[in-house]
Amino acid sequence: MNGSNDPVKEADRRYVLHPFTQLREFDAGEIEPFVVETGSGARIRGSDGTELLDAFAGLYCVNIGYGRIEVAEAISKQA
């Protein structure tokens, strides 16, 4: 709802463009921002505890999943 006390949700509402969101409803506060707190593999967990399959992220930037320690270790060795 518009006027939330959550500063992250308010910043999201003011400064982030959501290309697949109905902006009129979002701006009116009819759609609440979903804040992601953690990710592991192909799943994300929101600040409200909801766990979702993040099937959309790989399209842009997380095509190997979240928290891939073996990738971080390989990058560290090469650096």
PDB file of N, CA and C in Angstrom:
ATOM      1  N   MET A   1       0.823  -1.178   0.000  1.00  0.00           N
ATOM      2  CA  MET A   1       0.000   0.000   0.000  1.00  0.00           C
ATOM      3  C   MET A   1       0.873   1.249   0.000  1.00  0.00           C
ATOM      4  N   ASN A   2       0.434   2.263  -0.660  1.00  0.00           N
ATOM      5  CA  ASN A   2       1.185   3.510  -0.723  1.00  0.00           C
ATOM      6  C   ASN A   2       1.297   4.111   0.672  1.00  0.00           C
ATOM      7  N   GLY A   3       2.461   4.654   1.019  1.00  0.00           N
ATOM      8  CA  GLY A   3       2.648   5.213   2.345  1.00  0.00           C
ATOM      9  C   GLY A   3       3.247   4.209   3.314  1.00  0.00           C
ATOM     10  N   SER A   4       3.836   3.148   2.789  1.00  0.00           N
ATOM     11  CA  SER A   4       4.455   2.120   3.620  1.00  0.00           C
ATOM     12  C   SER A   4       5.564   2.728   4.470  1.00  0.00           C
ATOM     13  N   ASN A   5       5.777   2.177   5.651  1.00  0.00           N
ATOM     14  CA  ASN A   5       6.864   2.634   6.518  1.00  0.00           C
ATOM     15  C   ASN A   5       8.188   1.978   6.155  1.00  0.00           C
ATOM     16  N   ASP A   6       8.188   1.057   5.218  1.00  0.00           N
ATOM     17  CA  ASP A   6       9.394   0.347   4.815  1.00  0.00           C
ATOM     18  C   ASP A   6      10.188   1.218   3.844  1.00  0.00           C
ATOM     19  N   PRO A   7      11.377   1.706   4.251  1.00  0.00           N
ATOM     20  CA  PRO A   7      12.143   2.612   3.373  1.00  0.00           C
ATOM     21  C   PRO A   7      12.617   1.948   2.083  1.00  0.00           C
ATOM     22  N   VAL A   8      12.853   0.645   2.098  1.00  0.00           N
ATOM     23  CA  VAL A   8      13.278  -0.050   0.869  1.00  0.00           C
ATOM     24  C   VAL A   8      12.128  -0.066  -0.129  1.00  0.00           C
ATOM     25  N   LYS A   9      10.925  -0.373   0.342  1.00  0.00           N
ATOM     26  CA  LYS A   9       9.772  -0.391  -0.556  1.00  0.00           C
ATOM     27  C   LYS A   9       9.467   1.007  -1.089  1.00  0.00           C
ATOM     28  N   GLU A  10       9.619   2.005  -0.245  1.00  0.00           N
ATOM     29  CA  GLU A  10       9.373   3.380  -0.693  1.00  0.00           C
ATOM     30  C   GLU A  10      10.400   3.803  -1.739  1.00  0.00           C
ATOM     31  N   ALA A  11      11.672   3.451  -1.534  1.00  0.00           N
ATOM     32  CA  ALA A  11      12.708   3.777  -2.519  1.00  0.00           C
ATOM     33  C   ALA A  11      12.440   3.044  -3.830  1.00  0.00           C
ATOM     34  N   ASP A  12      12.008   1.789  -3.737  1.00  0.00           N
ATOM     35  CA  ASP A  12      11.671   1.019  -4.933  1.00  0.00           C
ATOM     36  C   ASP A  12      10.542   1.707  -5.699  1.00  0.00           C
ATOM     37  N   ARG A  13       9.531   2.104  -4.987  1.00  0.00           N
ATOM     38  CA  ARG A  13       8.369   2.744  -5.618  1.00  0.00           C
ATOM     39  C   ARG A  13       8.766   4.067  -6.295  1.00  0.00           C
ATOM     40  N   ARG A  14       9.693   4.809  -5.684  1.00  0.00           N
ATOM     41  CA  ARG A  14      10.058   6.126  -6.217  1.00  0.00           C
ATOM     42  C   ARG A  14      11.086   6.087  -7.342  1.00  0.00           C
ATOM     43  N   TYR A  15      12.041   5.119  -7.284  1.00  0.00           N
ATOM     44  CA  TYR A  15      13.203   5.213  -8.159  1.00  0.00           C
ATOM     45  C   TYR A  15      13.420   4.065  -9.135  1.00  0.00           C
ATOM     46  N   VAL A  16      12.657   2.972  -9.038  1.00  0.00           N
ATOM     47  CA  VAL A  16      12.894   1.813  -9.896  1.00  0.00           C
ATOM     48  C   VAL A  16      11.764   1.674 -10.912  1.00  0.00           C
ATOM     49  N   LEU A  17      12.137   1.538 -12.171  1.00  0.00           N
ATOM     50  CA  LEU A  17      11.153   1.288 -13.214  1.00  0.00           C
ATOM     51  C   LEU A  17      10.990  -0.221 -13.353  1.00  0.00           C
ATOM     52  N   HIS A  18       9.775  -0.703 -13.246  1.00  0.00           N
ATOM     53  CA  HIS A  18       9.470  -2.127 -13.372  1.00  0.00           C
ATOM     54  C   HIS A  18       8.794  -2.349 -14.726  1.00  0.00           C
ATOM     55  N   PRO A  19       9.538  -2.838 -15.726  1.00  0.00           N
ATOM     56  CA  PRO A  19       9.012  -2.880 -17.085  1.00  0.00           C
ATOM     57  C   PRO A  19       7.815  -3.815 -17.296  1.00  0.00           C
ATOM     58  N   PHE A  20       7.594  -4.788 -16.420  1.00  0.00           N
ATOM     59  CA  PHE A  20       6.479  -5.711 -16.597  1.00  0.00           C
ATOM     60  C   PHE A  20       5.409  -5.529 -15.532  1.00  0.00           C
ATOM     61  N   THR A  21       5.334  -4.325 -14.968  1.00  0.00           N
ATOM     62  CA  THR A  21       4.371  -4.002 -13.919  1.00  0.00           C
ATOM     63  C   THR A  21       3.363  -2.991 -14.451  1.00  0.00           C
ATOM     64  N   GLN A  22       2.127  -3.145 -14.072  1.00  0.00           N
ATOM     65  CA  GLN A  22       1.110  -2.166 -14.426  1.00  0.00           C
ATOM     66  C   GLN A  22       1.381  -0.904 -13.603  1.00  0.00           C
ATOM     67  N   LEU A  23       1.993   0.088 -14.214  1.00  0.00           N
ATOM     68  CA  LEU A  23       2.498   1.250 -13.484  1.00  0.00           C
ATOM     69  C   LEU A  23       1.399   2.092 -12.847  1.00  0.00           C
ATOM     70  N   ARG A  24       0.262   2.165 -13.463  1.00  0.00           N
ATOM     71  CA  ARG A  24      -0.828   2.954 -12.870  1.00  0.00           C
ATOM     72  C   ARG A  24      -1.216   2.356 -11.515  1.00  0.00           C
ATOM     73  N   GLU A  25      -1.389   1.031 -11.463  1.00  0.00           N
ATOM     74  CA  GLU A  25      -1.754   0.370 -10.211  1.00  0.00           C
ATOM     75  C   GLU A  25      -0.604   0.430  -9.202  1.00  0.00           C
ATOM     76  N   PHE A  26       0.624   0.296  -9.693  1.00  0.00           N
ATOM     77  CA  PHE A  26       1.796   0.352  -8.813  1.00  0.00           C
ATOM     78  C   PHE A  26       1.906   1.723  -8.169  1.00  0.00           C
ATOM     79  N   ASP A  27       1.756   2.768  -8.986  1.00  0.00           N
ATOM     80  CA  ASP A  27       1.846   4.136  -8.485  1.00  0.00           C
ATOM     81  C   ASP A  27       0.723   4.450  -7.494  1.00  0.00           C
ATOM     82  N   ALA A  28      -0.432   3.875  -7.711  1.00  0.00           N
ATOM     83  CA  ALA A  28      -1.577   4.106  -6.817  1.00  0.00           C
ATOM     84  C   ALA A  28      -1.462   3.310  -5.522  1.00  0.00           C
ATOM     85  N   GLY A  29      -0.458   2.440  -5.419  1.00  0.00           N
ATOM     86  CA  GLY A  29      -0.282   1.652  -4.207  1.00  0.00           C
ATOM     87  C   GLY A  29      -1.096   0.376  -4.188  1.00  0.00           C
ATOM     88  N   GLU A  30      -1.692   0.020  -5.323  1.00  0.00           N
ATOM     89  CA  GLU A  30      -2.486  -1.203  -5.396  1.00  0.00           C
ATOM     90  C   GLU A  30      -1.602  -2.445  -5.510  1.00  0.00           C
ATOM     91  N   ILE A  31      -0.372  -2.253  -5.949  1.00  0.00           N
ATOM     92  CA  ILE A  31       0.604  -3.341  -6.068  1.00  0.00           C
ATOM     93  C   ILE A  31       1.755  -3.032  -5.124  1.00  0.00           C
ATOM     94  N   GLU A  32       2.059  -3.948  -4.232  1.00  0.00           N
ATOM     95  CA  GLU A  32       3.127  -3.770  -3.247  1.00  0.00           C
ATOM     96  C   GLU A  32       4.464  -4.243  -3.834  1.00  0.00           C
ATOM     97  N   PRO A  33       5.556  -3.493  -3.663  1.00  0.00           N
ATOM     98  CA  PRO A  33       6.864  -3.951  -4.136  1.00  0.00           C
ATOM     99  C   PRO A  33       7.260  -5.266  -3.462  1.00  0.00           C
ATOM    100  N   PHE A  34       7.927  -6.135  -4.194  1.00  0.00           N
ATOM    101  CA  PHE A  34       8.455  -7.389  -3.647  1.00  0.00           C
ATOM    102  C   PHE A  34       9.941  -7.184  -3.408  1.00  0.00           C
ATOM    103  N   VAL A  35      10.375  -7.235  -2.154  1.00  0.00           N
ATOM    104  CA  VAL A  35      11.782  -7.009  -1.800  1.00  0.00           C
ATOM    105  C   VAL A  35      12.460  -8.363  -1.611  1.00  0.00           C
ATOM    106  N   VAL A  36      13.495  -8.626  -2.414  1.00  0.00           N
ATOM    107  CA  VAL A  36      14.247  -9.882  -2.329  1.00  0.00           C
ATOM    108  C   VAL A  36      15.320  -9.726  -1.269  1.00  0.00           C
ATOM    109  N   GLU A  37      15.371 -10.660  -0.327  1.00  0.00           N
ATOM    110  CA  GLU A  37      16.399 -10.630   0.723  1.00  0.00           C
ATOM    111  C   GLU A  37      17.533 -11.601   0.449  1.00  0.00           C
ATOM    112  N   THR A  38      17.228 -12.794  -0.056  1.00  0.00           N
ATOM    113  CA  THR A  38      18.270 -13.785  -0.305  1.00  0.00           C
ATOM    114  C   THR A  38      17.978 -14.551  -1.588  1.00  0.00           C
ATOM    115  N   GLY A  39      19.018 -15.185  -2.103  1.00  0.00           N
ATOM    116  CA  GLY A  39      18.871 -16.054  -3.261  1.00  0.00           C
ATOM    117  C   GLY A  39      19.813 -17.225  -3.142  1.00  0.00           C
ATOM    118  N   SER A  40      19.366 -18.391  -3.597  1.00  0.00           N
ATOM    119  CA  SER A  40      20.195 -19.589  -3.575  1.00  0.00           C
ATOM    120  C   SER A  40      19.792 -20.457  -4.750  1.00  0.00           C
ATOM    121  N   GLY A  41      20.776 -20.765  -5.607  1.00  0.00           N
ATOM    122  CA  GLY A  41      20.445 -21.535  -6.799  1.00  0.00           C
ATOM    123  C   GLY A  41      19.491 -20.752  -7.680  1.00  0.00           C
ATOM    124  N   ALA A  42      18.341 -21.329  -7.957  1.00  0.00           N
ATOM    125  CA  ALA A  42      17.347 -20.674  -8.811  1.00  0.00           C
ATOM    126  C   ALA A  42      16.196 -20.090  -8.002  1.00  0.00           C
ATOM    127  N   ARG A  43      16.331 -20.033  -6.673  1.00  0.00           N
ATOM    128  CA  ARG A  43      15.235 -19.564  -5.821  1.00  0.00           C
ATOM    129  C   ARG A  43      15.612 -18.264  -5.122  1.00  0.00           C
ATOM    130  N   ILE A  44      14.596 -17.422  -4.922  1.00  0.00           N
ATOM    131  CA  ILE A  44      14.771 -16.194  -4.155  1.00  0.00           C
ATOM    132  C   ILE A  44      13.767 -16.185  -3.012  1.00  0.00           C
ATOM    133  N   ARG A  45      14.113 -15.483  -1.939  1.00  0.00           N
ATOM    134  CA  ARG A  45      13.210 -15.357  -0.796  1.00  0.00           C
ATOM    135  C   ARG A  45      13.005 -13.873  -0.525  1.00  0.00           C
ATOM    136  N   GLY A  46      11.735 -13.497  -0.406  1.00  0.00           N
ATOM    137  CA  GLY A  46      11.382 -12.111  -0.168  1.00  0.00           C
ATOM    138  C   GLY A  46      11.414 -11.757   1.299  1.00  0.00           C
ATOM    139  N   SER A  47      11.345 -10.462   1.581  1.00  0.00           N
ATOM    140  CA  SER A  47      11.366  -9.982   2.958  1.00  0.00           C
ATOM    141  C   SER A  47      10.138 -10.440   3.741  1.00  0.00           C
ATOM    142  N   ASP A  48       9.097 -10.840   3.019  1.00  0.00           N
ATOM    143  CA  ASP A  48       7.887 -11.343   3.684  1.00  0.00           C
ATOM    144  C   ASP A  48       7.916 -12.856   3.878  1.00  0.00           C
ATOM    145  N   GLY A  49       9.038 -13.512   3.501  1.00  0.00           N
ATOM    146  CA  GLY A  49       9.178 -14.956   3.675  1.00  0.00           C
ATOM    147  C   GLY A  49       8.758 -15.781   2.474  1.00  0.00           C
ATOM    148  N   THR A  50       8.175 -15.145   1.477  1.00  0.00           N
ATOM    149  CA  THR A  50       7.745 -15.853   0.273  1.00  0.00           C
ATOM    150  C   THR A  50       8.957 -16.351  -0.494  1.00  0.00           C
ATOM    151  N   GLU A  51       8.938 -17.628  -0.892  1.00  0.00           N
ATOM    152  CA  GLU A  51      10.022 -18.192  -1.700  1.00  0.00           C
ATOM    153  C   GLU A  51       9.502 -18.439  -3.104  1.00  0.00           C
ATOM    154  N   LEU A  52      10.284 -17.989  -4.099  1.00  0.00           N
ATOM    155  CA  LEU A  52       9.875 -18.104  -5.495  1.00  0.00           C
ATOM    156  C   LEU A  52      10.986 -18.704  -6.346  1.00  0.00           C
ATOM    157  N   LEU A  53      10.617 -19.359  -7.425  1.00  0.00           N
ATOM    158  CA  LEU A  53      11.560 -19.789  -8.439  1.00  0.00           C
ATOM    159  C   LEU A  53      11.852 -18.567  -9.297  1.00  0.00           C
ATOM    160  N   ASP A  54      13.110 -18.152  -9.374  1.00  0.00           N
ATOM    161  CA  ASP A  54      13.475 -16.953 -10.121  1.00  0.00           C
ATOM    162  C   ASP A  54      13.767 -17.334 -11.567  1.00  0.00           C
ATOM    163  N   ALA A  55      12.732 -17.651 -12.290  1.00  0.00           N
ATOM    164  CA  ALA A  55      12.874 -18.105 -13.668  1.00  0.00           C
ATOM    165  C   ALA A  55      13.196 -16.964 -14.630  1.00  0.00           C
ATOM    166  N   PHE A  56      13.044 -15.733 -14.201  1.00  0.00           N
ATOM    167  CA  PHE A  56      13.236 -14.581 -15.068  1.00  0.00           C
ATOM    168  C   PHE A  56      14.653 -14.012 -14.996  1.00  0.00           C
ATOM    169  N   ALA A  57      15.358 -14.202 -13.894  1.00  0.00           N
ATOM    170  CA  ALA A  57      16.656 -13.549 -13.681  1.00  0.00           C
ATOM    171  C   ALA A  57      17.702 -13.943 -14.711  1.00  0.00           C
ATOM    172  N   GLY A  58      17.738 -15.189 -15.112  1.00  0.00           N
ATOM    173  CA  GLY A  58      18.738 -15.643 -16.063  1.00  0.00           C
ATOM    174  C   GLY A  58      18.659 -14.936 -17.396  1.00  0.00           C
ATOM    175  N   LEU A  59      17.524 -14.366 -17.678  1.00  0.00           N
ATOM    176  CA  LEU A  59      17.347 -13.632 -18.916  1.00  0.00           C
ATOM    177  C   LEU A  59      18.277 -12.428 -18.972  1.00  0.00           C
ATOM    178  N   TYR A  60      18.586 -11.855 -17.810  1.00  0.00           N
ATOM    179  CA  TYR A  60      19.410 -10.653 -17.765  1.00  0.00           C
ATOM    180  C   TYR A  60      20.795 -10.865 -17.163  1.00  0.00           C
ATOM    181  N   CYS A  61      20.870 -11.445 -15.960  1.00  0.00           N
ATOM    182  CA  CYS A  61      22.177 -11.395 -15.303  1.00  0.00           C
ATOM    183  C   CYS A  61      22.517 -12.576 -14.388  1.00  0.00           C
ATOM    184  N   VAL A  62      21.600 -13.425 -14.025  1.00  0.00           N
ATOM    185  CA  VAL A  62      21.904 -14.474 -13.044  1.00  0.00           C
ATOM    186  C   VAL A  62      21.698 -15.843 -13.696  1.00  0.00           C
ATOM    187  N   ASN A  63      22.296 -16.038 -14.862  1.00  0.00           N
ATOM    188  CA  ASN A  63      22.037 -17.265 -15.602  1.00  0.00           C
ATOM    189  C   ASN A  63      22.684 -18.513 -15.007  1.00  0.00           C
ATOM    190  N   ILE A  64      23.524 -18.374 -13.988  1.00  0.00           N
ATOM    191  CA  ILE A  64      24.104 -19.558 -13.340  1.00  0.00           C
ATOM    192  C   ILE A  64      23.535 -19.781 -11.947  1.00  0.00           C
ATOM    193  N   GLY A  65      22.628 -18.946 -11.516  1.00  0.00           N
ATOM    194  CA  GLY A  65      22.025 -19.089 -10.192  1.00  0.00           C
ATOM    195  C   GLY A  65      22.730 -18.225  -9.159  1.00  0.00           C
ATOM    196  N   TYR A  66      22.140 -18.184  -7.974  1.00  0.00           N
ATOM    197  CA  TYR A  66      22.668 -17.375  -6.873  1.00  0.00           C
ATOM    198  C   TYR A  66      23.555 -18.221  -5.972  1.00  0.00           C
ATOM    199  N   GLY A  67      24.570 -17.599  -5.383  1.00  0.00           N
ATOM    200  CA  GLY A  67      25.386 -18.247  -4.361  1.00  0.00           C
ATOM    201  C   GLY A  67      26.283 -19.350  -4.880  1.00  0.00           C
ATOM    202  N   ARG A  68      26.768 -19.249  -6.085  1.00  0.00           N
ATOM    203  CA  ARG A  68      27.623 -20.285  -6.672  1.00  0.00           C
ATOM    204  C   ARG A  68      29.054 -20.088  -6.178  1.00  0.00           C
ATOM    205  N   ILE A  69      29.364 -20.707  -5.057  1.00  0.00           N
ATOM    206  CA  ILE A  69      30.662 -20.549  -4.407  1.00  0.00           C
ATOM    207  C   ILE A  69      31.801 -21.016  -5.307  1.00  0.00           C
ATOM    208  N   GLU A  70      31.579 -22.079  -6.065  1.00  0.00           N
ATOM    209  CA  GLU A  70      32.651 -22.587  -6.929  1.00  0.00           C
ATOM    210  C   GLU A  70      33.032 -21.576  -8.003  1.00  0.00           C
ATOM    211  N   VAL A  71      32.100 -20.771  -8.447  1.00  0.00           N
ATOM    212  CA  VAL A  71      32.406 -19.743  -9.433  1.00  0.00           C
ATOM    213  C   VAL A  71      33.218 -18.618  -8.777  1.00  0.00           C
ATOM    214  N   ALA A  72      32.809 -18.204  -7.582  1.00  0.00           N
ATOM    215  CA  ALA A  72      33.546 -17.171  -6.855  1.00  0.00           C
ATOM    216  C   ALA A  72      34.976 -17.629  -6.563  1.00  0.00           C
ATOM    217  N   GLU A  73      35.140 -18.898  -6.212  1.00  0.00           N
ATOM    218  CA  GLU A  73      36.490 -19.426  -5.941  1.00  0.00           C
ATOM    219  C   GLU A  73      37.339 -19.438  -7.221  1.00  0.00           C
ATOM    220  N   ALA A  74      36.755 -19.818  -8.348  1.00  0.00           N
ATOM    221  CA  ALA A  74      37.499 -19.822  -9.615  1.00  0.00           C
ATOM    222  C   ALA A  74      37.922 -18.414 -10.003  1.00  0.00           C
ATOM    223  N   ILE A  75      37.044 -17.453  -9.815  1.00  0.00           N
ATOM    224  CA  ILE A  75      37.385 -16.058 -10.118  1.00  0.00           C
ATOM    225  C   ILE A  75      38.487 -15.573  -9.183  1.00  0.00           C
ATOM    226  N   SER A  76      38.401 -15.945  -7.906  1.00  0.00           N
ATOM    227  CA  SER A  76      39.408 -15.547  -6.920  1.00  0.00           C
ATOM    228  C   SER A  76      40.780 -16.112  -7.306  1.00  0.00           C
ATOM    229  N   LYS A  77      40.833 -17.355  -7.727  1.00  0.00           N
ATOM    230  CA  LYS A  77      42.122 -17.962  -8.128  1.00  0.00           C
ATOM    231  C   LYS A  77      42.721 -17.240  -9.327  1.00  0.00           C
ATOM    232  N   GLN A  78      41.864 -16.867 -10.265  1.00  0.00           N
ATOM    233  CA  GLN A  78      42.377 -16.191 -11.477  1.00  0.00           C
ATOM    234  C   GLN A  78      42.809 -14.755 -11.186  1.00  0.00           C
ATOM    235  N   ALA A  79      42.209 -14.142 -10.173  1.00  0.00           N
ATOM    236  CA  ALA A  79      42.580 -12.771  -9.855  1.00  0.00           C
ATOM    237  C   ALA A  79      43.899 -12.780  -9.147  1.00  0.00           C
TER     238      ALA A  79
END
